[in-house]
């Protein structure tokens, strides 16, 4: 996927810049590789959700559905859902906001694993739908 290459380039650039800045101030970069890998995997999960909705909807509706799917736990009344297990994209956002260099990357590995499962499920769902229904339209 092209979006995977773009996400990988972005995560690599952010990771290298962060590592360089940490080296300049003498900070630890212990959890940085796990954070960048989890960020990349969550980017792929978000792309898979977008792909899932785009095979059955108009692009504007697919964009809306993708956004709503990714922030679903924030819209539900009981916001105590396990973000890492069910919604890795929100979990990585929370992980980035509360990231501290030198922390154990254990939670980040769980988020990454959830993102891989999330990506596979939505990609397989999109493949199954596309095999039965093609929503592409002629540009004329």
Protein backbone atom coordinates (compact mmCIF):
# COMPACT_ATOMS: atom_id res chain seq x y z
CA UNK A 1 0.00 0.00 0.00
CA UNK A 2 1.20 3.45 -0.84
CA UNK A 3 -0.08 4.79 2.44
CA UNK A 4 2.17 2.27 4.21
CA UNK A 5 5.25 3.71 2.52
CA UNK A 6 4.23 7.24 3.42
CA UNK A 7 3.50 6.24 7.02
CA UNK A 8 6.83 4.39 7.24
CA UNK A 9 8.73 7.40 5.89
CA UNK A 10 6.95 9.69 8.35
CA UNK A 11 7.58 7.42 11.34
CA UNK A 12 11.21 6.98 10.34
CA UNK A 13 11.71 10.75 9.97
CA UNK A 14 10.04 11.48 13.31
CA UNK A 15 11.99 8.70 15.01
CA UNK A 16 15.34 9.85 13.63
CA UNK A 17 14.65 13.49 14.50
CA UNK A 18 13.58 12.54 18.01
CA UNK A 19 16.62 10.32 18.52
CA UNK A 20 18.89 13.12 17.32
CA UNK A 21 17.25 15.64 19.65
CA UNK A 22 17.51 13.21 22.57
CA UNK A 23 21.21 12.72 21.81
CA UNK A 24 21.69 16.48 21.84
CA UNK A 25 20.28 16.83 25.35
CA UNK A 26 21.44 13.48 26.68
CA UNK A 27 17.96 11.99 27.13
CA UNK A 28 17.25 8.28 26.95
CA UNK A 29 15.69 6.88 23.79
CA UNK A 30 14.79 3.53 25.35
CA UNK A 31 11.12 3.43 24.36
CA UNK A 32 11.41 5.30 21.08
CA UNK A 33 11.71 2.33 18.66
CA UNK A 34 8.64 0.66 20.19
CA UNK A 35 6.71 3.94 19.98
CA UNK A 36 7.58 4.46 16.31
CA UNK A 37 6.70 0.86 15.41
CA UNK A 38 3.37 1.10 17.25
CA UNK A 39 2.69 4.44 15.54
CA UNK A 40 3.36 2.89 12.12
CA UNK A 41 1.13 -0.10 12.85
CA UNK A 42 -1.68 2.19 14.00
CA UNK A 43 -1.32 4.28 10.85
CA UNK A 44 -1.80 1.09 8.86
CA UNK A 45 -4.83 0.19 10.99
CA UNK A 46 -6.38 3.60 10.27
CA UNK A 47 -5.69 3.13 6.55
CA UNK A 48 -7.36 -0.29 6.67
CA UNK A 49 -10.47 1.24 8.23
CA UNK A 50 -10.54 3.84 5.46
CA UNK A 51 -10.15 1.12 2.83
CA UNK A 52 -12.96 -0.90 4.41
CA UNK A 53 -15.46 1.95 4.20
CA UNK A 54 -14.29 3.16 0.79
CA UNK A 55 -15.17 -0.11 -0.97
CA UNK A 56 -18.86 0.36 -0.20
CA UNK A 57 -19.45 4.09 0.11
CA UNK A 58 -18.98 7.38 -1.66
CA UNK A 59 -15.60 8.90 -0.67
CA UNK A 60 -17.12 11.67 1.45
CA UNK A 61 -19.29 9.19 3.34
CA UNK A 62 -16.33 6.81 3.67
CA UNK A 63 -14.25 9.61 5.20
CA UNK A 64 -17.00 10.32 7.72
CA UNK A 65 -17.49 6.65 8.53
CA UNK A 66 -13.74 6.16 8.96
CA UNK A 67 -13.49 9.05 11.37
CA UNK A 68 -16.47 7.85 13.36
CA UNK A 69 -15.11 4.31 13.49
CA UNK A 70 -11.74 5.48 14.78
CA UNK A 71 -13.22 7.66 17.54
CA UNK A 72 -16.12 5.36 18.42
CA UNK A 73 -15.13 4.87 22.08
CA UNK A 74 -15.21 8.63 22.63
CA UNK A 75 -18.78 8.75 21.31
CA UNK A 76 -20.10 5.95 23.49
CA UNK A 77 -21.53 6.73 26.92
CA UNK A 78 -19.21 4.31 28.76
CA UNK A 79 -15.78 5.66 27.87
CA UNK A 80 -14.01 3.08 30.01
CA UNK A 81 -13.45 0.68 27.10
CA UNK A 82 -10.05 -0.92 26.73
CA UNK A 83 -8.57 1.32 24.06
CA UNK A 84 -5.52 -0.87 23.44
CA UNK A 85 -7.51 -4.00 22.85
CA UNK A 86 -10.36 -2.70 20.73
CA UNK A 87 -9.26 0.64 19.32
CA UNK A 88 -5.48 0.82 18.85
CA UNK A 89 -5.56 4.16 17.01
CA UNK A 90 -6.99 5.90 20.06
CA UNK A 91 -4.64 3.94 22.29
CA UNK A 92 -1.56 5.17 20.43
CA UNK A 93 -2.83 8.74 20.64
CA UNK A 94 -3.15 8.34 24.38
CA UNK A 95 0.25 6.60 24.49
CA UNK A 96 1.94 9.46 22.65
CA UNK A 97 0.36 12.06 24.92
CA UNK A 98 1.56 10.22 28.03
CA UNK A 99 4.88 8.94 26.63
CA UNK A 100 7.94 9.31 28.84
CA UNK A 101 11.38 8.42 27.54
CA UNK A 102 12.84 5.45 29.35
CA UNK A 103 9.46 3.86 30.12
CA UNK A 104 8.91 0.18 29.53
CA UNK A 105 7.44 -0.35 26.05
CA UNK A 106 5.17 -3.20 27.22
CA UNK A 107 1.93 -1.29 26.59
CA UNK A 108 3.18 -0.16 23.20
CA UNK A 109 3.73 -3.76 22.10
CA UNK A 110 0.13 -4.57 23.06
CA UNK A 111 -1.11 -1.58 21.08
CA UNK A 112 0.99 -2.68 18.09
CA UNK A 113 -0.36 -6.22 18.26
CA UNK A 114 -3.92 -4.88 18.46
CA UNK A 115 -3.21 -2.66 15.45
CA UNK A 116 -2.01 -5.65 13.42
CA UNK A 117 -5.19 -7.57 14.27
CA UNK A 118 -7.28 -4.47 13.54
CA UNK A 119 -5.58 -4.08 10.14
CA UNK A 120 -6.07 -7.72 9.19
CA UNK A 121 -9.75 -7.75 10.20
CA UNK A 122 -10.64 -4.57 8.31
CA UNK A 123 -8.54 -5.52 5.28
CA UNK A 124 -10.18 -8.95 5.06
CA UNK A 125 -13.59 -7.32 5.49
CA UNK A 126 -12.83 -4.87 2.68
CA UNK A 127 -11.62 -7.71 0.47
CA UNK A 128 -14.78 -9.74 1.09
CA UNK A 129 -17.03 -6.78 0.32
CA UNK A 130 -15.08 -5.78 -2.78
CA UNK A 131 -15.29 -9.32 -4.13
CA UNK A 132 -19.09 -9.05 -4.09
CA UNK A 133 -19.75 -5.36 -4.67
CA UNK A 134 -17.81 -2.90 -6.76
CA UNK A 135 -18.80 0.67 -6.03
CA UNK A 136 -16.48 2.31 -8.52
CA UNK A 137 -18.27 4.66 -10.85
CA UNK A 138 -17.42 6.07 -14.22
CA UNK A 139 -15.98 9.59 -13.97
CA UNK A 140 -18.24 10.87 -16.79
